[in-house]
PDB file of N, CA and C in Angstrom:
ATOM      1  N   MET A   1      10.259  -1.677  10.457  1.00  0.00           N
ATOM      2  CA  MET A   1       9.955  -1.828   9.125  1.00  0.00           C
ATOM      3  C   MET A   1      11.120  -1.228   7.807  1.00  0.00           C
ATOM      4  N   SER A   2      11.723  -2.481   7.523  1.00  0.00           N
ATOM      5  CA  SER A   2      13.050  -2.091   6.478  1.00  0.00           C
ATOM      6  C   SER A   2      12.149  -1.671   5.021  1.00  0.00           C
ATOM      7  N   LYS A   3      12.747  -0.591   4.278  1.00  0.00           N
ATOM      8  CA  LYS A   3      12.124  -0.546   3.028  1.00  0.00           C
ATOM      9  C   LYS A   3      12.672  -1.383   2.018  1.00  0.00           C
ATOM     10  N   VAL A   4      11.470  -2.665   2.129  1.00  0.00           N
ATOM     11  CA  VAL A   4      11.666  -3.117   0.542  1.00  0.00           C
ATOM     12  C   VAL A   4      10.733  -3.565  -0.363  1.00  0.00           C
ATOM     13  N   CYS A   5      10.742  -3.512  -1.369  1.00  0.00           N
ATOM     14  CA  CYS A   5       9.661  -3.347  -2.270  1.00  0.00           C
ATOM     15  C   CYS A   5       8.496  -5.276  -2.046  1.00  0.00           C
ATOM     16  N   ALA A   6       7.649  -4.787  -1.833  1.00  0.00           N
ATOM     17  CA  ALA A   6       6.621  -5.909  -1.879  1.00  0.00           C
ATOM     18  C   ALA A   6       6.683  -7.167  -2.876  1.00  0.00           C
ATOM     19  N   VAL A   7       6.884  -6.735  -4.196  1.00  0.00           N
ATOM     20  CA  VAL A   7       6.387  -7.172  -5.366  1.00  0.00           C
ATOM     21  C   VAL A   7       8.034  -7.924  -5.753  1.00  0.00           C
ATOM     22  N   THR A   8       8.890  -6.527  -6.201  1.00  0.00           N
ATOM     23  CA  THR A   8      10.030  -7.298  -6.563  1.00  0.00           C
ATOM     24  C   THR A   8      11.357  -7.567  -5.663  1.00  0.00           C
ATOM     25  N   GLY A   9      11.222  -7.242  -4.244  1.00  0.00           N
ATOM     26  CA  GLY A   9      11.911  -7.573  -3.375  1.00  0.00           C
ATOM     27  C   GLY A   9      13.441  -6.466  -3.201  1.00  0.00           C
ATOM     28  N   LYS A  10      13.065  -5.183  -4.295  1.00  0.00           N
ATOM     29  CA  LYS A  10      14.414  -4.465  -4.247  1.00  0.00           C
ATOM     30  C   LYS A  10      14.368  -4.063  -2.912  1.00  0.00           C
ATOM     31  N   ARG A  11      15.817  -3.768  -2.707  1.00  0.00           N
ATOM     32  CA  ARG A  11      16.164  -3.196  -1.065  1.00  0.00           C
ATOM     33  C   ARG A  11      17.350  -2.572  -1.096  1.00  0.00           C
ATOM     34  N   THR A  12      17.743  -1.703  -0.122  1.00  0.00           N
ATOM     35  CA  THR A  12      19.312  -0.842  -0.113  1.00  0.00           C
ATOM     36  C   THR A  12      20.536  -1.857  -0.413  1.00  0.00           C
ATOM     37  N   ARG A  13      21.240  -1.487  -1.431  1.00  0.00           N
ATOM     38  CA  ARG A  13      22.726  -2.138  -1.515  1.00  0.00           C
ATOM     39  C   ARG A  13      23.594  -0.835  -0.966  1.00  0.00           C
ATOM     40  N   PHE A  14      24.937  -1.781  -1.168  1.00  0.00           N
ATOM     41  CA  PHE A  14      25.694  -1.392  -0.710  1.00  0.00           C
ATOM     42  C   PHE A  14      27.100  -1.714  -1.733  1.00  0.00           C
ATOM     43  N   ILE A  15      27.351  -0.534  -2.395  1.00  0.00           N
ATOM     44  CA  ILE A  15      28.318  -1.129  -3.524  1.00  0.00           C
ATOM     45  C   ILE A  15      29.546   0.064  -2.742  1.00  0.00           C
ATOM     46  N   LYS A  16      30.647  -0.541  -4.146  1.00  0.00           N
ATOM     47  CA  LYS A  16      31.899  -0.075  -3.927  1.00  0.00           C
ATOM     48  C   LYS A  16      32.221   1.232  -4.928  1.00  0.00           C
ATOM     49  N   THR A  17      32.934   1.833  -4.816  1.00  0.00           N
ATOM     50  CA  THR A  17      33.184   2.862  -5.691  1.00  0.00           C
ATOM     51  C   THR A  17      34.449   3.193  -6.090  1.00  0.00           C
ATOM     52  N   SER A  18      35.706   3.005  -7.303  1.00  0.00           N
ATOM     53  CA  SER A  18      37.160   3.104  -6.926  1.00  0.00           C
ATOM     54  C   SER A  18      37.437   4.125  -8.045  1.00  0.00           C
ATOM     55  N   LYS A  19      38.572   4.928  -7.654  1.00  0.00           N
ATOM     56  CA  LYS A  19      39.453   5.428  -8.664  1.00  0.00           C
ATOM     57  C   LYS A  19      40.581   4.805  -9.182  1.00  0.00           C
ATOM     58  N   ARG A  20      40.941   4.905 -10.160  1.00  0.00           N
ATOM     59  CA  ARG A  20      42.293   4.474 -10.731  1.00  0.00           C
ATOM     60  C   ARG A  20      43.451   5.256 -10.760  1.00  0.00           C
ATOM     61  N   LYS A  21      44.461   4.834 -10.567  1.00  0.00           N
ATOM     62  CA  LYS A  21      45.327   5.704 -10.903  1.00  0.00           C
ATOM     63  C   LYS A  21      46.919   4.909 -11.665  1.00  0.00           C
ATOM     64  N   GLY A  22      47.460   5.529 -12.140  1.00  0.00           N
ATOM     65  CA  GLY A  22      48.602   5.139 -13.167  1.00  0.00           C
ATOM     66  C   GLY A  22      48.519   5.333 -14.319  1.00  0.00           C
ATOM     67  N   SER A  23      49.079   4.957 -15.181  1.00  0.00           N
ATOM     68  CA  SER A  23      49.310   4.790 -16.795  1.00  0.00           C
ATOM     69  C   SER A  23      48.816   3.517 -17.050  1.00  0.00           C
ATOM     70  N   PRO A  24      47.745   3.323 -17.960  1.00  0.00           N
ATOM     71  CA  PRO A  24      47.635   2.025 -18.722  1.00  0.00           C
ATOM     72  C   PRO A  24      48.902   1.111 -19.483  1.00  0.00           C
ATOM     73  N   LYS A  25      48.929   0.034 -19.617  1.00  0.00           N
ATOM     74  CA  LYS A  25      50.065  -0.502 -20.041  1.00  0.00           C
ATOM     75  C   LYS A  25      49.707  -0.305 -21.870  1.00  0.00           C
ATOM     76  N   LYS A  26      48.830  -0.382 -21.674  1.00  0.00           N
ATOM     77  CA  LYS A  26      48.393  -0.219 -23.363  1.00  0.00           C
ATOM     78  C   LYS A  26      49.258   1.346 -23.722  1.00  0.00           C
ATOM     79  N   ARG A  27      49.264   2.480 -22.972  1.00  0.00           N
ATOM     80  CA  ARG A  27      50.121   3.388 -23.476  1.00  0.00           C
ATOM     81  C   ARG A  27      51.664   3.249 -22.871  1.00  0.00           C
ATOM     82  N   GLY A  28      51.817   2.394 -22.701  1.00  0.00           N
ATOM     83  CA  GLY A  28      53.340   2.148 -22.011  1.00  0.00           C
ATOM     84  C   GLY A  28      53.761   2.237 -20.462  1.00  0.00           C
ATOM     85  N   GLY A  29      52.634   2.135 -19.820  1.00  0.00           N
ATOM     86  CA  GLY A  29      52.808   2.259 -17.948  1.00  0.00           C
ATOM     87  C   GLY A  29      52.792   1.030 -17.577  1.00  0.00           C
ATOM     88  N   VAL A  30      52.946   0.985 -16.562  1.00  0.00           N
ATOM     89  CA  VAL A  30      53.047  -0.278 -15.328  1.00  0.00           C
ATOM     90  C   VAL A  30      51.619  -0.557 -15.350  1.00  0.00           C
ATOM     91  N   GLY A  31      50.575  -0.175 -15.564  1.00  0.00           N
ATOM     92  CA  GLY A  31      49.114  -0.437 -15.408  1.00  0.00           C
ATOM     93  C   GLY A  31      48.373   0.013 -14.297  1.00  0.00           C
ATOM     94  N   LEU A  32      47.570  -0.097 -14.206  1.00  0.00           N
ATOM     95  CA  LEU A  32      46.629   0.880 -13.094  1.00  0.00           C
ATOM     96  C   LEU A  32      46.082   0.360 -11.996  1.00  0.00           C
ATOM     97  N   LYS A  33      46.300   0.728 -10.786  1.00  0.00           N
ATOM     98  CA  LYS A  33      45.942   0.933  -9.634  1.00  0.00           C
ATOM     99  C   LYS A  33      44.841   0.799  -9.077  1.00  0.00           C
ATOM    100  N   ARG A  34      43.891   0.580  -8.109  1.00  0.00           N
ATOM    101  CA  ARG A  34      43.038   0.764  -7.268  1.00  0.00           C
ATOM    102  C   ARG A  34      43.360   1.574  -6.388  1.00  0.00           C
ATOM    103  N   ALA A  35      42.674   2.925  -6.125  1.00  0.00           N
ATOM    104  CA  ALA A  35      43.068   3.698  -5.075  1.00  0.00           C
ATOM    105  C   ALA A  35      41.832   4.560  -5.001  1.00  0.00           C
ATOM    106  N   GLY A  36      41.455   5.023  -3.759  1.00  0.00           N
ATOM    107  CA  GLY A  36      40.544   5.647  -3.156  1.00  0.00           C
ATOM    108  C   GLY A  36      39.269   4.688  -3.254  1.00  0.00           C
ATOM    109  N   VAL A  37      39.235   3.517  -2.497  1.00  0.00           N
ATOM    110  CA  VAL A  37      38.003   3.244  -2.599  1.00  0.00           C
ATOM    111  C   VAL A  37      37.055   3.486  -1.718  1.00  0.00           C
ATOM    112  N   HIS A  38      35.976   3.451  -1.628  1.00  0.00           N
ATOM    113  CA  HIS A  38      35.005   3.776  -0.963  1.00  0.00           C
ATOM    114  C   HIS A  38      33.345   3.020  -0.963  1.00  0.00           C
ATOM    115  N   ASN A  39      32.813   2.964  -0.171  1.00  0.00           N
ATOM    116  CA  ASN A  39      31.428   2.591   0.171  1.00  0.00           C
ATOM    117  C   ASN A  39      30.613   3.213  -0.248  1.00  0.00           C
ATOM    118  N   ARG A  40      28.906   3.104  -1.181  1.00  0.00           N
ATOM    119  CA  ARG A  40      28.213   3.924  -1.102  1.00  0.00           C
ATOM    120  C   ARG A  40      27.077   3.222  -1.095  1.00  0.00           C
ATOM    121  N   ILE A  41      26.087   4.096  -0.643  1.00  0.00           N
ATOM    122  CA  ILE A  41      24.431   3.174  -0.577  1.00  0.00           C
ATOM    123  C   ILE A  41      23.939   3.473  -1.872  1.00  0.00           C
ATOM    124  N   GLN A  42      23.232   2.442  -2.210  1.00  0.00           N
ATOM    125  CA  GLN A  42      22.301   2.713  -3.674  1.00  0.00           C
ATOM    126  C   GLN A  42      21.080   2.658  -3.305  1.00  0.00           C
ATOM    127  N   LYS A  43      20.137   2.854  -3.053  1.00  0.00           N
ATOM    128  CA  LYS A  43      18.725   3.193  -2.502  1.00  0.00           C
ATOM    129  C   LYS A  43      17.540   3.030  -4.031  1.00  0.00           C
ATOM    130  N   PRO A  44      16.781   2.028  -3.724  1.00  0.00           N
ATOM    131  CA  PRO A  44      15.878   2.032  -4.473  1.00  0.00           C
ATOM    132  C   PRO A  44      14.752   3.303  -4.781  1.00  0.00           C
ATOM    133  N   ASN A  45      14.028   3.170  -5.685  1.00  0.00           N
ATOM    134  CA  ASN A  45      13.047   4.197  -6.196  1.00  0.00           C
ATOM    135  C   ASN A  45      11.939   3.318  -5.351  1.00  0.00           C
ATOM    136  N   LEU A  46      11.390   3.824  -4.166  1.00  0.00           N
ATOM    137  CA  LEU A  46      10.490   3.233  -3.601  1.00  0.00           C
ATOM    138  C   LEU A  46       9.460   4.231  -3.334  1.00  0.00           C
ATOM    139  N   HIS A  47       8.077   3.713  -3.233  1.00  0.00           N
ATOM    140  CA  HIS A  47       6.558   4.635  -2.901  1.00  0.00           C
ATOM    141  C   HIS A  47       5.843   3.509  -2.075  1.00  0.00           C
ATOM    142  N   LYS A  48       5.155   4.494  -0.716  1.00  0.00           N
ATOM    143  CA  LYS A  48       4.266   3.620   0.055  1.00  0.00           C
ATOM    144  C   LYS A  48       2.844   3.783  -0.781  1.00  0.00           C
ATOM    145  N   LYS A  49       2.487   2.799  -1.015  1.00  0.00           N
ATOM    146  CA  LYS A  49       1.178   2.941  -2.061  1.00  0.00           C
ATOM    147  C   LYS A  49       0.246   2.157  -1.646  1.00  0.00           C
ATOM    148  N   PRO A  50      -0.999   2.442  -1.315  1.00  0.00           N
ATOM    149  CA  PRO A  50      -2.212   1.398  -0.982  1.00  0.00           C
ATOM    150  C   PRO A  50      -2.686   0.294  -1.788  1.00  0.00           C
ATOM    151  N   ILE A  51      -2.505  -0.752  -1.394  1.00  0.00           N
ATOM    152  CA  ILE A  51      -3.377  -1.988  -2.570  1.00  0.00           C
ATOM    153  C   ILE A  51      -4.488  -2.671  -1.840  1.00  0.00           C
ATOM    154  N   TRP A  52      -5.232  -3.012  -2.689  1.00  0.00           N
ATOM    155  CA  TRP A  52      -6.592  -3.232  -2.054  1.00  0.00           C
ATOM    156  C   TRP A  52      -6.308  -5.035  -2.293  1.00  0.00           C
ATOM    157  N   VAL A  53      -6.467  -5.398  -1.088  1.00  0.00           N
ATOM    158  CA  VAL A  53      -6.512  -6.895  -1.485  1.00  0.00           C
ATOM    159  C   VAL A  53      -7.492  -7.533  -0.084  1.00  0.00           C
ATOM    160  N   ASP A  54      -8.589  -8.377  -0.858  1.00  0.00           N
ATOM    161  CA  ASP A  54      -9.996  -8.971  -0.046  1.00  0.00           C
ATOM    162  C   ASP A  54     -10.484  -8.061   0.131  1.00  0.00           C
ATOM    163  N   GLY A  55     -10.559  -6.578  -0.529  1.00  0.00           N
ATOM    164  CA  GLY A  55     -11.731  -5.820   0.015  1.00  0.00           C
ATOM    165  C   GLY A  55     -10.964  -4.727   0.932  1.00  0.00           C
ATOM    166  N   ARG A  56      -9.789  -5.019   1.403  1.00  0.00           N
ATOM    167  CA  ARG A  56      -9.149  -3.934   2.537  1.00  0.00           C
ATOM    168  C   ARG A  56      -7.767  -3.157   2.040  1.00  0.00           C
ATOM    169  N   PRO A  57      -7.442  -2.192   2.286  1.00  0.00           N
ATOM    170  CA  PRO A  57      -6.308  -1.645   2.171  1.00  0.00           C
ATOM    171  C   PRO A  57      -5.484  -2.164   2.549  1.00  0.00           C
ATOM    172  N   GLN A  58      -4.026  -2.143   1.961  1.00  0.00           N
ATOM    173  CA  GLN A  58      -3.032  -2.384   3.083  1.00  0.00           C
ATOM    174  C   GLN A  58      -1.862  -1.821   2.097  1.00  0.00           C
ATOM    175  N   LYS A  59      -1.109  -0.604   3.158  1.00  0.00           N
ATOM    176  CA  LYS A  59       0.132   0.185   2.771  1.00  0.00           C
ATOM    177  C   LYS A  59       1.297  -0.505   2.671  1.00  0.00           C
ATOM    178  N   VAL A  60       1.724  -0.397   1.707  1.00  0.00           N
ATOM    179  CA  VAL A  60       3.043  -1.028   1.263  1.00  0.00           C
ATOM    180  C   VAL A  60       4.048  -0.485   0.325  1.00  0.00           C
ATOM    181  N   TRP A  61       5.360  -0.976   0.437  1.00  0.00           N
ATOM    182  CA  TRP A  61       6.416  -0.145  -0.418  1.00  0.00           C
ATOM    183  C   TRP A  61       6.642  -1.100  -1.739  1.00  0.00           C
ATOM    184  N   LEU A  62       6.452  -0.190  -2.488  1.00  0.00           N
ATOM    185  CA  LEU A  62       6.290  -0.371  -4.081  1.00  0.00           C
ATOM    186  C   LEU A  62       7.272   0.347  -5.090  1.00  0.00           C
ATOM    187  N   SER A  63       8.065  -0.586  -5.897  1.00  0.00           N
ATOM    188  CA  SER A  63       9.227  -0.074  -6.833  1.00  0.00           C
ATOM    189  C   SER A  63       8.555   0.341  -7.515  1.00  0.00           C
ATOM    190  N   THR A  64       8.760   1.588  -8.455  1.00  0.00           N
ATOM    191  CA  THR A  64       8.351   2.027  -9.954  1.00  0.00           C
ATOM    192  C   THR A  64       8.166   0.988 -10.645  1.00  0.00           C
ATOM    193  N   LYS A  65       9.140   0.219 -10.719  1.00  0.00           N
ATOM    194  CA  LYS A  65       9.207  -0.973 -11.682  1.00  0.00           C
ATOM    195  C   LYS A  65       7.824  -1.552 -11.230  1.00  0.00           C
ATOM    196  N   ALA A  66       7.622  -1.851 -10.247  1.00  0.00           N
ATOM    197  CA  ALA A  66       6.453  -2.811  -9.565  1.00  0.00           C
ATOM    198  C   ALA A  66       5.163  -2.329 -10.068  1.00  0.00           C
ATOM    199  N   LEU A  67       4.994  -0.739  -9.474  1.00  0.00           N
ATOM    200  CA  LEU A  67       4.189   0.090 -10.064  1.00  0.00           C
ATOM    201  C   LEU A  67       3.717  -0.013 -11.508  1.00  0.00           C
ATOM    202  N   ARG A  68       4.680  -0.157 -12.618  1.00  0.00           N
ATOM    203  CA  ARG A  68       4.407  -0.245 -13.674  1.00  0.00           C
ATOM    204  C   ARG A  68       3.783  -1.392 -13.973  1.00  0.00           C
ATOM    205  N   SER A  69       4.415  -2.400 -13.899  1.00  0.00           N
ATOM    206  CA  SER A  69       3.954  -3.952 -13.795  1.00  0.00           C
ATOM    207  C   SER A  69       2.865  -4.292 -13.198  1.00  0.00           C
ATOM    208  N   LEU A  70       2.097  -3.775 -12.204  1.00  0.00           N
ATOM    209  CA  LEU A  70       0.888  -3.845 -11.510  1.00  0.00           C
ATOM    210  C   LEU A  70      -0.066  -3.888 -12.110  1.00  0.00           C
ATOM    211  N   ASP A  71      -1.428  -4.746 -11.310  1.00  0.00           N
ATOM    212  CA  ASP A  71      -2.477  -4.440 -12.313  1.00  0.00           C
ATOM    213  C   ASP A  71      -3.269  -2.851 -11.916  1.00  0.00           C
ATOM    214  N   PRO A  72      -3.527  -2.409 -12.443  1.00  0.00           N
ATOM    215  CA  PRO A  72      -4.111  -1.053 -12.402  1.00  0.00           C
ATOM    216  C   PRO A  72      -5.284  -1.366 -10.981  1.00  0.00           C
ATOM    217  N   THR A  73      -6.076  -2.092 -11.317  1.00  0.00           N
ATOM    218  CA  THR A  73      -7.305  -2.201 -10.612  1.00  0.00           C
ATOM    219  C   THR A  73      -7.289  -2.504  -9.058  1.00  0.00           C
ATOM    220  N   MET A  74      -5.880  -2.963  -8.949  1.00  0.00           N
ATOM    221  CA  MET A  74      -5.235  -2.913  -7.620  1.00  0.00           C
ATOM    222  C   MET A  74      -5.282  -1.763  -6.590  1.00  0.00           C
ATOM    223  N   LEU A  75      -4.827  -0.648  -7.112  1.00  0.00           N
ATOM    224  CA  LEU A  75      -4.679   0.241  -6.898  1.00  0.00           C
ATOM    225  C   LEU A  75      -5.936   1.355  -6.403  1.00  0.00           C
ATOM    226  N   ILE A  76      -7.454   0.678  -6.671  1.00  0.00           N
ATOM    227  CA  ILE A  76      -8.528   1.463  -6.868  1.00  0.00           C
ATOM    228  C   ILE A  76      -9.540   0.742  -5.977  1.00  0.00           C
ATOM    229  N   ASN A  77     -10.005   1.483  -5.128  1.00  0.00           N
ATOM    230  CA  ASN A  77     -10.693   0.928  -4.126  1.00  0.00           C
ATOM    231  C   ASN A  77     -12.188  -0.022  -4.960  1.00  0.00           C
ATOM    232  N   PRO A  78     -12.575  -1.397  -5.179  1.00  0.00           N
ATOM    233  CA  PRO A  78     -13.623  -1.936  -5.526  1.00  0.00           C
ATOM    234  C   PRO A  78     -15.035  -1.877  -5.250  1.00  0.00           C
ATOM    235  N   ASN A  79     -14.822  -1.354  -3.900  1.00  0.00           N
ATOM    236  CA  ASN A  79     -16.324  -0.920  -3.346  1.00  0.00           C
ATOM    237  C   ASN A  79     -16.598   0.298  -3.453  1.00  0.00           C
ATOM    238  N   LYS A  80     -16.141   1.295  -4.269  1.00  0.00           N
ATOM    239  CA  LYS A  80     -16.530   2.592  -4.937  1.00  0.00           C
ATOM    240  C   LYS A  80     -17.408   2.599  -5.802  1.00  0.00           C
ATOM    241  N   ARG A  81     -17.922   3.531  -5.843  1.00  0.00           N
ATOM    242  CA  ARG A  81     -19.343   3.323  -6.754  1.00  0.00           C
ATOM    243  C   ARG A  81     -19.033   5.090  -7.961  1.00  0.00           C
ATOM    244  N   THR A  82     -19.105   4.295  -9.004  1.00  0.00           N
ATOM    245  CA  THR A  82     -18.827   5.142 -10.006  1.00  0.00           C
ATOM    246  C   THR A  82     -20.430   5.725 -10.393  1.00  0.00           C
ATOM    247  N   ALA A  83     -20.249   7.373 -10.657  1.00  0.00           N
ATOM    248  CA  ALA A  83     -21.431   7.790 -10.898  1.00  0.00           C
ATOM    249  C   ALA A  83     -21.767   7.701 -12.123  1.00  0.00           C
TER     250      ALA A  83
END
């Protein structure tokens, strides 16, 4: 099972980072060139949390953005008695 947020759909992304070499045209150079391009992995901030659906808990991956926007009553057992 891959780590994907059940609410927002956030997942691992592959991005490229690059260094630039040369002197910019603004300062009288011939321009900047891309050099040293590397692949990098960008992972979302995911947490495995139980959510109560139809009176039963289901453990799902949730991003922190989803946790903040989620209704707090979904994270609490509805069948639990309060004293």
